[in-house]
Amino acid sequence: GNDNPVVLELGCGKGEYTVGLAQKNP
C-alpha cells in the first residue's frame, strides 16, 4: 500500500532480523 523501498532478508529463520529492521526503518 505504498511505494517505499523493498528490502529482502534471505534465509530469514525466525524472522528476528526482518522484524528488527522493520521496526528501525518504518
mmCIF file of all heavy atoms, coordinates in Angstrom:
data_MODEL
# 
_entry.id   MODEL 
# 
loop_
_atom_site.group_PDB 
_atom_site.id 
_atom_site.type_symbol 
_atom_site.label_atom_id 
_atom_site.label_alt_id 
_atom_site.label_comp_id 
_atom_site.label_asym_id 
_atom_site.label_entity_id 
_atom_site.label_seq_id 
_atom_site.pdbx_PDB_ins_code 
_atom_site.Cartn_x 
_atom_site.Cartn_y 
_atom_site.Cartn_z 
_atom_site.occupancy 
_atom_site.B_iso_or_equiv 
_atom_site.pdbx_formal_charge 
_atom_site.auth_seq_id 
_atom_site.auth_comp_id 
_atom_site.auth_asym_id 
_atom_site.auth_atom_id 
_atom_site.pdbx_PDB_model_num 
ATOM 1   N N   . GLY A 1 1  ? 0.802  -1.223  0.000  1.00 0.00 ? 1  GLY A N   1 
ATOM 2   C CA  . GLY A 1 1  ? 0.000  0.000   0.000  1.00 0.00 ? 1  GLY A CA  1 
ATOM 3   C C   . GLY A 1 1  ? 0.830  1.266   0.000  1.00 0.00 ? 1  GLY A C   1 
ATOM 4   O O   . GLY A 1 1  ? 0.347  2.329   0.407  1.00 0.00 ? 1  GLY A O   1 
ATOM 5   N N   . ASN A 1 2  ? 2.079  1.178   -0.470 1.00 0.00 ? 2  ASN A N   1 
ATOM 6   C CA  . ASN A 1 2  ? 2.933  2.363   -0.574 1.00 0.00 ? 2  ASN A CA  1 
ATOM 7   C C   . ASN A 1 2  ? 4.056  2.080   -1.566 1.00 0.00 ? 2  ASN A C   1 
ATOM 8   O O   . ASN A 1 2  ? 4.221  0.953   -2.029 1.00 0.00 ? 2  ASN A O   1 
ATOM 9   C CB  . ASN A 1 2  ? 3.494  2.758   0.792  1.00 0.00 ? 2  ASN A CB  1 
ATOM 10  C CG  . ASN A 1 2  ? 4.319  1.653   1.433  1.00 0.00 ? 2  ASN A CG  1 
ATOM 11  O OD1 . ASN A 1 2  ? 5.327  1.218   0.888  1.00 0.00 ? 2  ASN A OD1 1 
ATOM 12  N ND2 . ASN A 1 2  ? 3.877  1.172   2.610  1.00 0.00 ? 2  ASN A ND2 1 
ATOM 13  N N   . ASP A 1 3  ? 4.836  3.122   -1.857 1.00 0.00 ? 3  ASP A N   1 
ATOM 14  C CA  . ASP A 1 3  ? 5.950  2.988   -2.802 1.00 0.00 ? 3  ASP A CA  1 
ATOM 15  C C   . ASP A 1 3  ? 7.302  2.988   -2.097 1.00 0.00 ? 3  ASP A C   1 
ATOM 16  O O   . ASP A 1 3  ? 8.323  3.336   -2.698 1.00 0.00 ? 3  ASP A O   1 
ATOM 17  C CB  . ASP A 1 3  ? 5.901  4.133   -3.832 1.00 0.00 ? 3  ASP A CB  1 
ATOM 18  C CG  . ASP A 1 3  ? 4.704  4.035   -4.756 1.00 0.00 ? 3  ASP A CG  1 
ATOM 19  O OD1 . ASP A 1 3  ? 4.357  2.899   -5.150 1.00 0.00 ? 3  ASP A OD1 1 
ATOM 20  O OD2 . ASP A 1 3  ? 4.110  5.080   -5.080 1.00 0.00 ? 3  ASP A OD2 1 
ATOM 21  N N   . ASN A 1 4  ? 7.313  2.622   -0.837 1.00 0.00 ? 4  ASN A N   1 
ATOM 22  C CA  . ASN A 1 4  ? 8.570  2.599   -0.086 1.00 0.00 ? 4  ASN A CA  1 
ATOM 23  C C   . ASN A 1 4  ? 9.501  1.518   -0.619 1.00 0.00 ? 4  ASN A C   1 
ATOM 24  O O   . ASN A 1 4  ? 9.047  0.531   -1.215 1.00 0.00 ? 4  ASN A O   1 
ATOM 25  C CB  . ASN A 1 4  ? 8.290  2.352   1.399  1.00 0.00 ? 4  ASN A CB  1 
ATOM 26  C CG  . ASN A 1 4  ? 7.579  3.522   2.056  1.00 0.00 ? 4  ASN A CG  1 
ATOM 27  O OD1 . ASN A 1 4  ? 7.596  4.642   1.555  1.00 0.00 ? 4  ASN A OD1 1 
ATOM 28  N ND2 . ASN A 1 4  ? 6.933  3.267   3.191  1.00 0.00 ? 4  ASN A ND2 1 
ATOM 29  N N   . PRO A 1 5  ? 10.815 1.682   -0.417 1.00 0.00 ? 5  PRO A N   1 
ATOM 30  C CA  . PRO A 1 5  ? 11.783 0.679   -0.877 1.00 0.00 ? 5  PRO A CA  1 
ATOM 31  C C   . PRO A 1 5  ? 11.494 -0.700  -0.283 1.00 0.00 ? 5  PRO A C   1 
ATOM 32  O O   . PRO A 1 5  ? 11.077 -0.818  0.869  1.00 0.00 ? 5  PRO A O   1 
ATOM 33  C CB  . PRO A 1 5  ? 13.123 1.227   -0.371 1.00 0.00 ? 5  PRO A CB  1 
ATOM 34  C CG  . PRO A 1 5  ? 12.899 2.693   -0.207 1.00 0.00 ? 5  PRO A CG  1 
ATOM 35  C CD  . PRO A 1 5  ? 11.478 2.846   0.216  1.00 0.00 ? 5  PRO A CD  1 
ATOM 36  N N   . VAL A 1 6  ? 11.738 -1.722  -1.087 1.00 0.00 ? 6  VAL A N   1 
ATOM 37  C CA  . VAL A 1 6  ? 11.533 -3.106  -0.657 1.00 0.00 ? 6  VAL A CA  1 
ATOM 38  C C   . VAL A 1 6  ? 12.880 -3.724  -0.305 1.00 0.00 ? 6  VAL A C   1 
ATOM 39  O O   . VAL A 1 6  ? 13.830 -3.678  -1.091 1.00 0.00 ? 6  VAL A O   1 
ATOM 40  C CB  . VAL A 1 6  ? 10.842 -3.931  -1.764 1.00 0.00 ? 6  VAL A CB  1 
ATOM 41  C CG1 . VAL A 1 6  ? 10.797 -5.409  -1.385 1.00 0.00 ? 6  VAL A CG1 1 
ATOM 42  C CG2 . VAL A 1 6  ? 9.435  -3.401  -2.024 1.00 0.00 ? 6  VAL A CG2 1 
ATOM 43  N N   . VAL A 1 7  ? 12.941 -4.315  0.889  1.00 0.00 ? 7  VAL A N   1 
ATOM 44  C CA  . VAL A 1 7  ? 14.169 -4.934  1.383  1.00 0.00 ? 7  VAL A CA  1 
ATOM 45  C C   . VAL A 1 7  ? 13.889 -6.396  1.711  1.00 0.00 ? 7  VAL A C   1 
ATOM 46  O O   . VAL A 1 7  ? 12.903 -6.709  2.375  1.00 0.00 ? 7  VAL A O   1 
ATOM 47  C CB  . VAL A 1 7  ? 14.685 -4.213  2.653  1.00 0.00 ? 7  VAL A CB  1 
ATOM 48  C CG1 . VAL A 1 7  ? 16.004 -4.837  3.116  1.00 0.00 ? 7  VAL A CG1 1 
ATOM 49  C CG2 . VAL A 1 7  ? 14.843 -2.718  2.400  1.00 0.00 ? 7  VAL A CG2 1 
ATOM 50  N N   . LEU A 1 8  ? 14.759 -7.293  1.246  1.00 0.00 ? 8  LEU A N   1 
ATOM 51  C CA  . LEU A 1 8  ? 14.587 -8.723  1.492  1.00 0.00 ? 8  LEU A CA  1 
ATOM 52  C C   . LEU A 1 8  ? 15.596 -9.226  2.525  1.00 0.00 ? 8  LEU A C   1 
ATOM 53  O O   . LEU A 1 8  ? 16.724 -8.736  2.581  1.00 0.00 ? 8  LEU A O   1 
ATOM 54  C CB  . LEU A 1 8  ? 14.788 -9.531  0.204  1.00 0.00 ? 8  LEU A CB  1 
ATOM 55  C CG  . LEU A 1 8  ? 14.041 -9.105  -1.060 1.00 0.00 ? 8  LEU A CG  1 
ATOM 56  C CD1 . LEU A 1 8  ? 14.342 -10.102 -2.184 1.00 0.00 ? 8  LEU A CD1 1 
ATOM 57  C CD2 . LEU A 1 8  ? 12.566 -8.989  -0.813 1.00 0.00 ? 8  LEU A CD2 1 
ATOM 58  N N   . GLU A 1 9  ? 15.161 -10.207 3.310  1.00 0.00 ? 9  GLU A N   1 
ATOM 59  C CA  . GLU A 1 9  ? 16.106 -10.998 4.101  1.00 0.00 ? 9  GLU A CA  1 
ATOM 60  C C   . GLU A 1 9  ? 15.974 -12.436 3.619  1.00 0.00 ? 9  GLU A C   1 
ATOM 61  O O   . GLU A 1 9  ? 14.895 -13.042 3.716  1.00 0.00 ? 9  GLU A O   1 
ATOM 62  C CB  . GLU A 1 9  ? 15.845 -10.941 5.602  1.00 0.00 ? 9  GLU A CB  1 
ATOM 63  C CG  . GLU A 1 9  ? 16.934 -11.708 6.363  1.00 0.00 ? 9  GLU A CG  1 
ATOM 64  C CD  . GLU A 1 9  ? 16.635 -11.963 7.833  1.00 0.00 ? 9  GLU A CD  1 
ATOM 65  O OE1 . GLU A 1 9  ? 15.547 -11.600 8.310  1.00 0.00 ? 9  GLU A OE1 1 
ATOM 66  O OE2 . GLU A 1 9  ? 17.498 -12.568 8.503  1.00 0.00 ? 9  GLU A OE2 1 
ATOM 67  N N   . LEU A 1 10 ? 17.061 -12.979 3.089  1.00 0.00 ? 10 LEU A N   1 
ATOM 68  C CA  . LEU A 1 10 ? 17.050 -14.327 2.538  1.00 0.00 ? 10 LEU A CA  1 
ATOM 69  C C   . LEU A 1 10 ? 17.514 -15.330 3.582  1.00 0.00 ? 10 LEU A C   1 
ATOM 70  O O   . LEU A 1 10 ? 18.546 -15.130 4.226  1.00 0.00 ? 10 LEU A O   1 
ATOM 71  C CB  . LEU A 1 10 ? 17.952 -14.398 1.310  1.00 0.00 ? 10 LEU A CB  1 
ATOM 72  C CG  . LEU A 1 10 ? 17.661 -13.367 0.205  1.00 0.00 ? 10 LEU A CG  1 
ATOM 73  C CD1 . LEU A 1 10 ? 18.617 -13.568 -0.962 1.00 0.00 ? 10 LEU A CD1 1 
ATOM 74  C CD2 . LEU A 1 10 ? 16.211 -13.456 -0.264 1.00 0.00 ? 10 LEU A CD2 1 
ATOM 75  N N   . GLY A 1 11 ? 16.745 -16.417 3.733  1.00 0.00 ? 11 GLY A N   1 
ATOM 76  C CA  . GLY A 1 11 ? 17.041 -17.375 4.778  1.00 0.00 ? 11 GLY A CA  1 
ATOM 77  C C   . GLY A 1 11 ? 16.805 -16.733 6.131  1.00 0.00 ? 11 GLY A C   1 
ATOM 78  O O   . GLY A 1 11 ? 17.673 -16.753 7.007  1.00 0.00 ? 11 GLY A O   1 
ATOM 79  N N   . CYS A 1 12 ? 15.619 -16.189 6.309  1.00 0.00 ? 12 CYS A N   1 
ATOM 80  C CA  . CYS A 1 12 ? 15.336 -15.319 7.458  1.00 0.00 ? 12 CYS A CA  1 
ATOM 81  C C   . CYS A 1 12 ? 15.169 -16.063 8.781  1.00 0.00 ? 12 CYS A C   1 
ATOM 82  O O   . CYS A 1 12 ? 15.075 -15.429 9.837  1.00 0.00 ? 12 CYS A O   1 
ATOM 83  C CB  . CYS A 1 12 ? 14.090 -14.477 7.183  1.00 0.00 ? 12 CYS A CB  1 
ATOM 84  S SG  . CYS A 1 12 ? 12.551 -15.433 7.059  1.00 0.00 ? 12 CYS A SG  1 
ATOM 85  N N   . GLY A 1 13 ? 15.097 -17.390 8.766  1.00 0.00 ? 13 GLY A N   1 
ATOM 86  C CA  . GLY A 1 13 ? 14.978 -18.130 10.021 1.00 0.00 ? 13 GLY A CA  1 
ATOM 87  C C   . GLY A 1 13 ? 13.748 -17.737 10.802 1.00 0.00 ? 13 GLY A C   1 
ATOM 88  O O   . GLY A 1 13 ? 12.631 -17.757 10.280 1.00 0.00 ? 13 GLY A O   1 
ATOM 89  N N   . LYS A 1 14 ? 13.933 -17.334 12.043 1.00 0.00 ? 14 LYS A N   1 
ATOM 90  C CA  . LYS A 1 14 ? 12.804 -16.962 12.906 1.00 0.00 ? 14 LYS A CA  1 
ATOM 91  C C   . LYS A 1 14 ? 12.244 -15.574 12.591 1.00 0.00 ? 14 LYS A C   1 
ATOM 92  O O   . LYS A 1 14 ? 11.260 -15.152 13.200 1.00 0.00 ? 14 LYS A O   1 
ATOM 93  C CB  . LYS A 1 14 ? 13.227 -17.023 14.368 1.00 0.00 ? 14 LYS A CB  1 
ATOM 94  C CG  . LYS A 1 14 ? 13.567 -18.423 14.847 1.00 0.00 ? 14 LYS A CG  1 
ATOM 95  C CD  . LYS A 1 14 ? 13.939 -18.411 16.322 1.00 0.00 ? 14 LYS A CD  1 
ATOM 96  C CE  . LYS A 1 14 ? 14.266 -19.813 16.820 1.00 0.00 ? 14 LYS A CE  1 
ATOM 97  N NZ  . LYS A 1 14 ? 14.609 -19.817 18.272 1.00 0.00 ? 14 LYS A NZ  1 
ATOM 98  N N   . GLY A 1 15 ? 12.895 -14.874 11.669 1.00 0.00 ? 15 GLY A N   1 
ATOM 99  C CA  . GLY A 1 15 ? 12.386 -13.565 11.272 1.00 0.00 ? 15 GLY A CA  1 
ATOM 100 C C   . GLY A 1 15 ? 12.793 -12.427 12.188 1.00 0.00 ? 15 GLY A C   1 
ATOM 101 O O   . GLY A 1 15 ? 12.290 -11.316 12.059 1.00 0.00 ? 15 GLY A O   1 
ATOM 102 N N   . GLU A 1 16 ? 13.726 -12.698 13.099 1.00 0.00 ? 16 GLU A N   1 
ATOM 103 C CA  . GLU A 1 16 ? 14.126 -11.666 14.060 1.00 0.00 ? 16 GLU A CA  1 
ATOM 104 C C   . GLU A 1 16 ? 14.752 -10.462 13.380 1.00 0.00 ? 16 GLU A C   1 
ATOM 105 O O   . GLU A 1 16 ? 14.476 -9.316  13.753 1.00 0.00 ? 16 GLU A O   1 
ATOM 106 C CB  . GLU A 1 16 ? 15.123 -12.255 15.060 1.00 0.00 ? 16 GLU A CB  1 
ATOM 107 C CG  . GLU A 1 16 ? 14.588 -13.403 15.884 1.00 0.00 ? 16 GLU A CG  1 
ATOM 108 C CD  . GLU A 1 16 ? 15.701 -14.316 16.359 1.00 0.00 ? 16 GLU A CD  1 
ATOM 109 O OE1 . GLU A 1 16 ? 16.309 -15.003 15.535 1.00 0.00 ? 16 GLU A OE1 1 
ATOM 110 O OE2 . GLU A 1 16 ? 15.960 -14.315 17.576 1.00 0.00 ? 16 GLU A OE2 1 
ATOM 111 N N   . TYR A 1 17 ? 15.579 -10.705 12.373 1.00 0.00 ? 17 TYR A N   1 
ATOM 112 C CA  . TYR A 1 17 ? 16.236 -9.591  11.698 1.00 0.00 ? 17 TYR A CA  1 
ATOM 113 C C   . TYR A 1 17 ? 15.257 -8.806  10.839 1.00 0.00 ? 17 TYR A C   1 
ATOM 114 O O   . TYR A 1 17 ? 15.284 -7.580  10.801 1.00 0.00 ? 17 TYR A O   1 
ATOM 115 C CB  . TYR A 1 17 ? 17.416 -10.098 10.866 1.00 0.00 ? 17 TYR A CB  1 
ATOM 116 C CG  . TYR A 1 17 ? 18.649 -9.247  11.016 1.00 0.00 ? 17 TYR A CG  1 
ATOM 117 C CD1 . TYR A 1 17 ? 19.570 -9.520  12.021 1.00 0.00 ? 17 TYR A CD1 1 
ATOM 118 C CD2 . TYR A 1 17 ? 18.884 -8.149  10.202 1.00 0.00 ? 17 TYR A CD2 1 
ATOM 119 C CE1 . TYR A 1 17 ? 20.696 -8.729  12.195 1.00 0.00 ? 17 TYR A CE1 1 
ATOM 120 C CE2 . TYR A 1 17 ? 20.001 -7.353  10.364 1.00 0.00 ? 17 TYR A CE2 1 
ATOM 121 C CZ  . TYR A 1 17 ? 20.908 -7.646  11.356 1.00 0.00 ? 17 TYR A CZ  1 
ATOM 122 O OH  . TYR A 1 17 ? 22.016 -6.850  11.531 1.00 0.00 ? 17 TYR A OH  1 
ATOM 123 N N   . THR A 1 18 ? 14.385 -9.522  10.152 1.00 0.00 ? 18 THR A N   1 
ATOM 124 C CA  . THR A 1 18 ? 13.372 -8.859  9.328  1.00 0.00 ? 18 THR A CA  1 
ATOM 125 C C   . THR A 1 18 ? 12.529 -7.918  10.174 1.00 0.00 ? 18 THR A C   1 
ATOM 126 O O   . THR A 1 18 ? 12.312 -6.750  9.817  1.00 0.00 ? 18 THR A O   1 
ATOM 127 C CB  . THR A 1 18 ? 12.472 -9.901  8.645  1.00 0.00 ? 18 THR A CB  1 
ATOM 128 O OG1 . THR A 1 18 ? 13.260 -10.748 7.794  1.00 0.00 ? 18 THR A OG1 1 
ATOM 129 C CG2 . THR A 1 18 ? 11.400 -9.234  7.794  1.00 0.00 ? 18 THR A CG2 1 
ATOM 130 N N   . VAL A 1 19 ? 12.045 -8.416  11.300 1.00 0.00 ? 19 VAL A N   1 
ATOM 131 C CA  . VAL A 1 19 ? 11.207 -7.612  12.192 1.00 0.00 ? 19 VAL A CA  1 
ATOM 132 C C   . VAL A 1 19 ? 12.008 -6.464  12.801 1.00 0.00 ? 19 VAL A C   1 
ATOM 133 O O   . VAL A 1 19 ? 11.535 -5.323  12.883 1.00 0.00 ? 19 VAL A O   1 
ATOM 134 C CB  . VAL A 1 19 ? 10.585 -8.491  13.295 1.00 0.00 ? 19 VAL A CB  1 
ATOM 135 C CG1 . VAL A 1 19 ? 9.869  -7.631  14.337 1.00 0.00 ? 19 VAL A CG1 1 
ATOM 136 C CG2 . VAL A 1 19 ? 9.611  -9.495  12.678 1.00 0.00 ? 19 VAL A CG2 1 
ATOM 137 N N   . GLY A 1 20 ? 13.248 -6.743  13.212 1.00 0.00 ? 20 GLY A N   1 
ATOM 138 C CA  . GLY A 1 20 ? 14.084 -5.707  13.796 1.00 0.00 ? 20 GLY A CA  1 
ATOM 139 C C   . GLY A 1 20 ? 14.359 -4.572  12.827 1.00 0.00 ? 20 GLY A C   1 
ATOM 140 O O   . GLY A 1 20 ? 14.285 -3.384  13.195 1.00 0.00 ? 20 GLY A O   1 
ATOM 141 N N   . LEU A 1 21 ? 14.672 -4.908  11.585 1.00 0.00 ? 21 LEU A N   1 
ATOM 142 C CA  . LEU A 1 21 ? 14.901 -3.887  10.566 1.00 0.00 ? 21 LEU A CA  1 
ATOM 143 C C   . LEU A 1 21 ? 13.635 -3.077  10.301 1.00 0.00 ? 21 LEU A C   1 
ATOM 144 O O   . LEU A 1 21 ? 13.692 -1.857  10.120 1.00 0.00 ? 21 LEU A O   1 
ATOM 145 C CB  . LEU A 1 21 ? 15.387 -4.537  9.269  1.00 0.00 ? 21 LEU A CB  1 
ATOM 146 C CG  . LEU A 1 21 ? 16.813 -5.080  9.260  1.00 0.00 ? 21 LEU A CG  1 
ATOM 147 C CD1 . LEU A 1 21 ? 17.054 -5.905  7.998  1.00 0.00 ? 21 LEU A CD1 1 
ATOM 148 C CD2 . LEU A 1 21 ? 17.829 -3.946  9.348  1.00 0.00 ? 21 LEU A CD2 1 
ATOM 149 N N   . ALA A 1 22 ? 12.505 -3.754  10.260 1.00 0.00 ? 22 ALA A N   1 
ATOM 150 C CA  . ALA A 1 22 ? 11.235 -3.077  10.001 1.00 0.00 ? 22 ALA A CA  1 
ATOM 151 C C   . ALA A 1 22 ? 10.908 -2.075  11.110 1.00 0.00 ? 22 ALA A C   1 
ATOM 152 O O   . ALA A 1 22 ? 10.396 -0.977  10.844 1.00 0.00 ? 22 ALA A O   1 
ATOM 153 C CB  . ALA A 1 22 ? 10.117 -4.095  9.858  1.00 0.00 ? 22 ALA A CB  1 
ATOM 154 N N   . GLN A 1 23 ? 11.182 -2.440  12.346 1.00 0.00 ? 23 GLN A N   1 
ATOM 155 C CA  . GLN A 1 23 ? 10.934 -1.535  13.467 1.00 0.00 ? 23 GLN A CA  1 
ATOM 156 C C   . GLN A 1 23 ? 11.828 -0.305  13.399 1.00 0.00 ? 23 GLN A C   1 
ATOM 157 O O   . GLN A 1 23 ? 11.397 0.805   13.707 1.00 0.00 ? 23 GLN A O   1 
ATOM 158 C CB  . GLN A 1 23 ? 11.149 -2.269  14.791 1.00 0.00 ? 23 GLN A CB  1 
ATOM 159 C CG  . GLN A 1 23 ? 10.077 -3.289  15.118 1.00 0.00 ? 23 GLN A CG  1 
ATOM 160 C CD  . GLN A 1 23 ? 10.388 -4.066  16.375 1.00 0.00 ? 23 GLN A CD  1 
ATOM 161 O OE1 . GLN A 1 23 ? 11.481 -4.598  16.551 1.00 0.00 ? 23 GLN A OE1 1 
ATOM 162 N NE2 . GLN A 1 23 ? 9.423  -4.127  17.280 1.00 0.00 ? 23 GLN A NE2 1 
ATOM 163 N N   . LYS A 1 24 ? 13.068 -0.493  12.990 1.00 0.00 ? 24 LYS A N   1 
ATOM 164 C CA  . LYS A 1 24 ? 14.017 0.610   12.914 1.00 0.00 ? 24 LYS A CA  1 
ATOM 165 C C   . LYS A 1 24 ? 13.821 1.483   11.682 1.00 0.00 ? 24 LYS A C   1 
ATOM 166 O O   . LYS A 1 24 ? 14.228 2.647   11.670 1.00 0.00 ? 24 LYS A O   1 
ATOM 167 C CB  . LYS A 1 24 ? 15.450 0.064   12.909 1.00 0.00 ? 24 LYS A CB  1 
ATOM 168 C CG  . LYS A 1 24 ? 15.936 -0.481  14.241 1.00 0.00 ? 24 LYS A CG  1 
ATOM 169 C CD  . LYS A 1 24 ? 17.301 -1.135  14.114 1.00 0.00 ? 24 LYS A CD  1 
ATOM 170 C CE  . LYS A 1 24 ? 18.336 -0.188  13.534 1.00 0.00 ? 24 LYS A CE  1 
ATOM 171 N NZ  . LYS A 1 24 ? 18.606 0.951   14.438 1.00 0.00 ? 24 LYS A NZ  1 
ATOM 172 N N   . ASN A 1 25 ? 13.201 0.907   10.647 1.00 0.00 ? 25 ASN A N   1 
ATOM 173 C CA  . ASN A 1 25 ? 13.079 1.613   9.367  1.00 0.00 ? 25 ASN A CA  1 
ATOM 174 C C   . ASN A 1 25 ? 11.638 1.583   8.861  1.00 0.00 ? 25 ASN A C   1 
ATOM 175 O O   . ASN A 1 25 ? 11.312 0.875   7.902  1.00 0.00 ? 25 ASN A O   1 
ATOM 176 C CB  . ASN A 1 25 ? 14.008 0.973   8.326  1.00 0.00 ? 25 ASN A CB  1 
ATOM 177 C CG  . ASN A 1 25 ? 15.467 0.987   8.739  1.00 0.00 ? 25 ASN A CG  1 
ATOM 178 O OD1 . ASN A 1 25 ? 16.164 1.975   8.560  1.00 0.00 ? 25 ASN A OD1 1 
ATOM 179 N ND2 . ASN A 1 25 ? 15.936 -0.129  9.290  1.00 0.00 ? 25 ASN A ND2 1 
ATOM 180 N N   . PRO A 1 26 ? 10.736 2.343   9.486  1.00 0.00 ? 26 PRO A N   1 
ATOM 181 C CA  . PRO A 1 26 ? 9.323  2.325   9.080  1.00 0.00 ? 26 PRO A CA  1 
ATOM 182 C C   . PRO A 1 26 ? 9.068  2.874   7.678  1.00 0.00 ? 26 PRO A C   1 
ATOM 183 O O   . PRO A 1 26 ? 7.982  2.690   7.140  1.00 0.00 ? 26 PRO A O   1 
ATOM 184 C CB  . PRO A 1 26 ? 8.646  3.192   10.150 1.00 0.00 ? 26 PRO A CB  1 
ATOM 185 C CG  . PRO A 1 26 ? 9.730  4.083   10.663 1.00 0.00 ? 26 PRO A CG  1 
ATOM 186 C CD  . PRO A 1 26 ? 10.979 3.254   10.622 1.00 0.00 ? 26 PRO A CD  1 
# 
